[in-house]
Amino acid sequence: MNTPLILSPEAEAYAQAFTASEDGLLQEIARFTSQEHPQAHMLSGQVQGKFLSFLSTIQRPAYVLEIGTFTGYSALCLAEGLQADGQLHTIECREEDASTARNYFSKSKRNHQIHLHIGNAAEIIPTLEHHWDLVFIDADKTGYIGYYEQVVPRLNKGGLIIADNVLFHGQVLEETISGKNAKAIHAFNEHVRQDERTEQVLLTIRDGLLLIKKKDA
């Protein structure tokens, strides 16, 4: 079957029109990524970015982990609500994207709180000693289950995991899922659903966000 549209362009434009505007730095990142990056569609964008910043400012996290930095847009949104002495650790495997993100981080008032790591996330995560209040997974789709299993034991009480692209362009809705990444995302969604340690809600923002939290003991 053809890949369905999850959200019509008209609905997406309407949501954007009624979502608070980005600040100047986020607009700069969005503009650069749209004009210069061959995978610009990976940018979180205004609506999803504002949702991430809302969660951060409501939660007031001390420690945030982002798996998949890209050009730095989502990290700055996630950093918005950091406590004064809080830290955001973000991991990017591509040197060029990491360099772009670092440039934009340097322009942010949160720069001193953002720690950028370059390399394999599965290897870097165990070296970070923190327990996490907020985790954003937006990296290689075949790695989602592994990342999830690495961070769930180190999620603080009241902490949240947010996984991006859990609808994967609508491909998870196909009667027979054929794409490697779509299969991996569907397997991840099933894995989380069957995990008795956590509970979750799937939101149809952009390409799908899965919000996950530990169940109360």
Protein backbone atom coordinates (compact mmCIF):
# COMPACT_ATOMS: atom_id res chain seq x y z
CA MET A 1 0.00 0.00 0.00
CA ASN A 2 1.09 3.64 -0.38
CA THR A 3 2.51 5.37 2.65
CA PRO A 4 -0.37 7.40 4.18
CA LEU A 5 -0.09 10.99 5.35
CA ILE A 6 -0.37 11.07 9.14
CA LEU A 7 -1.19 14.76 9.28
CA SER A 8 -2.42 16.75 6.33
CA PRO A 9 -0.25 19.68 5.24
CA GLU A 10 -3.19 21.99 6.00
CA ALA A 11 -3.52 20.68 9.56
CA GLU A 12 0.22 20.93 10.08
CA ALA A 13 0.25 24.52 8.83
CA TYR A 14 -2.72 25.35 11.08
CA ALA A 15 -0.94 23.84 14.12
CA GLN A 16 2.15 25.87 13.32
CA ALA A 17 0.13 29.08 12.94
CA PHE A 18 -1.34 28.63 16.41
CA THR A 19 1.91 27.59 18.13
CA ALA A 20 4.12 30.19 19.80
CA SER A 21 6.93 31.41 17.58
CA GLU A 22 10.52 30.21 17.84
CA ASP A 23 13.15 32.49 19.26
CA GLY A 24 15.74 34.03 16.96
CA LEU A 25 18.39 31.35 17.44
CA LEU A 26 15.99 28.50 16.71
CA GLN A 27 14.80 30.35 13.62
CA GLU A 28 18.42 30.65 12.52
CA ILE A 29 19.00 26.91 12.95
CA ALA A 30 15.78 26.05 11.13
CA ARG A 31 16.61 28.38 8.25
CA PHE A 32 20.17 27.04 7.89
CA THR A 33 19.06 23.41 8.09
CA SER A 34 16.27 23.91 5.56
CA GLN A 35 18.56 25.64 3.08
CA GLU A 36 21.80 23.72 3.54
CA HIS A 37 21.19 20.23 4.93
CA PRO A 38 20.22 17.35 2.61
CA GLN A 39 18.22 15.74 5.43
CA ALA A 40 16.45 18.86 6.63
CA HIS A 41 13.26 16.86 7.26
CA MET A 42 14.98 15.46 10.38
CA LEU A 43 14.71 18.83 12.17
CA SER A 44 12.19 18.83 15.02
CA GLY A 45 10.64 22.11 13.87
CA GLN A 46 8.45 24.70 15.54
CA VAL A 47 5.53 22.62 16.85
CA GLN A 48 7.53 19.65 18.10
CA GLY A 49 10.27 21.92 19.40
CA LYS A 50 7.80 23.98 21.40
CA PHE A 51 6.32 20.76 22.81
CA LEU A 52 9.79 19.67 23.95
CA SER A 53 10.48 23.05 25.55
CA PHE A 54 7.07 22.96 27.29
CA LEU A 55 7.88 19.57 28.83
CA SER A 56 11.28 20.84 29.92
CA THR A 57 10.01 24.06 31.47
CA ILE A 58 7.20 22.20 33.27
CA GLN A 59 9.50 19.47 34.56
CA ARG A 60 12.54 21.64 35.42
CA PRO A 61 15.03 18.79 34.90
CA ALA A 62 18.48 18.57 36.44
CA TYR A 63 19.81 16.09 33.89
CA VAL A 64 18.70 15.70 30.29
CA LEU A 65 19.99 13.17 27.77
CA GLU A 66 19.48 13.56 24.04
CA ILE A 67 20.42 10.71 21.69
CA GLY A 68 20.77 12.28 18.26
CA THR A 69 21.80 15.95 18.20
CA PHE A 70 21.46 16.68 14.46
CA THR A 71 21.96 20.46 14.01
CA GLY A 72 21.17 21.36 17.63
CA TYR A 73 17.56 22.59 17.43
CA SER A 74 15.94 20.02 19.73
CA ALA A 75 18.77 20.22 22.29
CA LEU A 76 18.17 23.92 22.76
CA CYS A 77 14.44 23.26 23.20
CA LEU A 78 15.13 20.53 25.78
CA ALA A 79 17.58 22.79 27.62
CA GLU A 80 14.97 25.52 28.03
CA GLY A 81 13.80 24.38 31.47
CA LEU A 82 17.09 23.19 32.92
CA GLN A 83 17.72 23.99 36.56
CA ALA A 84 20.40 26.63 37.12
CA ASP A 85 23.03 23.96 37.78
CA GLY A 86 21.48 21.40 35.41
CA GLN A 87 23.18 19.66 32.50
CA LEU A 88 22.10 18.47 29.06
CA HIS A 89 24.19 15.74 27.44
CA THR A 90 23.61 15.27 23.72
CA ILE A 91 25.19 12.60 21.51
CA GLU A 92 25.81 12.86 17.75
CA CYS A 93 27.60 10.32 15.58
CA ARG A 94 28.23 12.62 12.59
CA GLU A 95 31.13 15.04 12.92
CA GLU A 96 29.69 17.61 10.51
CA ASP A 97 26.32 17.83 12.26
CA ALA A 98 28.06 17.99 15.63
CA SER A 99 30.18 20.91 14.38
CA THR A 100 27.04 22.74 13.23
CA ALA A 101 25.31 22.13 16.56
CA ARG A 102 28.35 23.27 18.52
CA ASN A 103 28.36 26.55 16.62
CA TYR A 104 24.73 27.23 17.52
CA PHE A 105 25.18 26.10 21.12
CA SER A 106 27.93 28.71 21.48
CA LYS A 107 25.35 31.40 20.77
CA SER A 108 22.97 30.19 23.49
CA LYS A 109 22.80 31.41 27.07
CA ARG A 110 22.62 27.69 27.98
CA ASN A 111 25.94 26.92 26.30
CA HIS A 112 27.74 26.23 29.58
CA GLN A 113 25.11 23.63 30.47
CA ILE A 114 25.21 21.70 27.19
CA HIS A 115 27.72 18.88 26.79
CA LEU A 116 28.12 17.52 23.25
CA HIS A 117 29.51 14.01 22.77
CA ILE A 118 30.56 12.70 19.36
CA GLY A 119 30.53 8.98 18.64
CA ASN A 120 28.53 5.80 19.14
CA ALA A 121 25.66 6.48 21.54
CA ALA A 122 25.49 2.88 22.77
CA GLU A 123 29.11 3.18 23.88
CA ILE A 124 28.86 6.72 25.27
CA ILE A 125 25.69 6.33 27.36
CA PRO A 126 27.28 3.92 29.91
CA THR A 127 30.12 6.42 30.48
CA LEU A 128 27.69 9.12 31.64
CA GLU A 129 27.17 8.70 35.36
CA HIS A 130 23.95 10.67 35.75
CA HIS A 131 20.42 9.50 36.36
CA TRP A 132 18.07 11.21 33.92
CA ASP A 133 14.99 13.36 34.35
CA LEU A 134 14.32 13.73 30.63
CA VAL A 135 15.55 11.61 27.71
CA PHE A 136 14.95 12.27 24.01
CA ILE A 137 15.64 9.40 21.60
CA ASP A 138 15.95 10.56 18.00
CA ALA A 139 18.76 8.55 16.43
CA ASP A 140 19.18 5.40 14.33
CA LYS A 141 15.87 3.57 14.44
CA THR A 142 17.39 0.09 14.73
CA GLY A 143 19.06 1.22 17.95
CA TYR A 144 15.93 2.42 19.77
CA ILE A 145 15.33 -0.73 21.84
CA GLY A 146 18.94 -0.81 22.94
CA TYR A 147 18.94 2.87 23.93
CA TYR A 148 15.66 2.41 25.78
CA GLU A 149 17.06 -0.50 27.78
CA GLN A 150 20.15 1.52 28.63
CA VAL A 151 18.24 4.50 30.01
CA VAL A 152 15.17 2.98 31.72
CA PRO A 153 17.16 1.74 34.75
CA ARG A 154 18.68 5.22 35.14
CA LEU A 155 15.46 7.19 34.82
CA ASN A 156 14.66 9.25 37.91
CA LYS A 157 11.28 9.09 39.58
CA GLY A 158 8.96 11.29 37.54
CA GLY A 159 11.37 11.16 34.63
CA LEU A 160 10.28 10.93 31.01
CA ILE A 161 11.59 9.29 27.87
CA ILE A 162 10.44 10.80 24.58
CA ALA A 163 10.98 8.74 21.43
CA ASP A 164 10.66 10.46 18.05
CA ASN A 165 9.48 9.11 14.67
CA VAL A 166 7.35 6.35 16.19
CA LEU A 167 4.94 6.53 13.23
CA PHE A 168 7.85 6.54 10.77
CA HIS A 169 6.17 8.42 7.93
CA GLY A 170 3.08 6.24 8.31
CA GLN A 171 4.96 3.10 7.30
CA VAL A 172 4.12 1.39 10.61
CA LEU A 173 0.47 1.46 9.49
CA GLU A 174 1.11 -0.70 6.46
CA GLU A 175 -0.54 -4.11 6.50
CA THR A 176 2.86 -5.66 5.79
CA ILE A 177 5.67 -3.49 7.10
CA SER A 178 8.58 -3.80 4.71
CA GLY A 179 11.13 -1.06 5.44
CA LYS A 180 14.00 -1.84 7.82
CA ASN A 181 13.52 1.33 9.88
CA ALA A 182 9.73 0.97 9.98
CA LYS A 183 10.13 -2.61 11.19
CA ALA A 184 12.55 -1.44 13.86
CA ILE A 185 10.19 1.31 15.04
CA HIS A 186 7.21 -1.06 15.16
CA ALA A 187 9.31 -3.53 17.17
CA PHE A 188 10.28 -0.70 19.54
CA ASN A 189 6.66 0.37 20.01
CA GLU A 190 5.71 -3.23 20.78
CA HIS A 191 8.67 -3.58 23.15
CA VAL A 192 7.60 -0.55 25.16
CA ARG A 193 3.95 -1.59 25.19
CA GLN A 194 4.88 -4.95 26.70
CA ASP A 195 7.29 -3.53 29.27
CA GLU A 196 5.64 -3.78 32.69
CA ARG A 197 8.07 -1.24 34.17
CA THR A 198 6.67 1.66 32.18
CA GLU A 199 3.53 3.20 30.74
CA GLN A 200 3.23 5.29 27.62
CA VAL A 201 1.11 7.47 25.37
CA LEU A 202 1.65 7.85 21.62
CA LEU A 203 1.06 11.35 20.28
CA THR A 204 0.54 12.16 16.61
CA ILE A 205 2.70 15.29 16.70
CA ARG A 206 4.70 15.50 13.47
CA ASP A 207 6.05 11.96 12.82
CA GLY A 208 4.81 10.56 16.14
CA LEU A 209 6.17 10.97 19.68
CA LEU A 210 6.02 8.24 22.31
CA LEU A 211 6.01 9.58 25.89
CA ILE A 212 7.19 6.98 28.37
CA LYS A 213 7.44 7.05 32.17
CA LYS A 214 8.17 4.52 34.84
CA LYS A 215 5.18 3.22 36.71
CA ASP A 216 4.96 4.23 40.35
CA ALA A 217 6.35 1.53 42.60
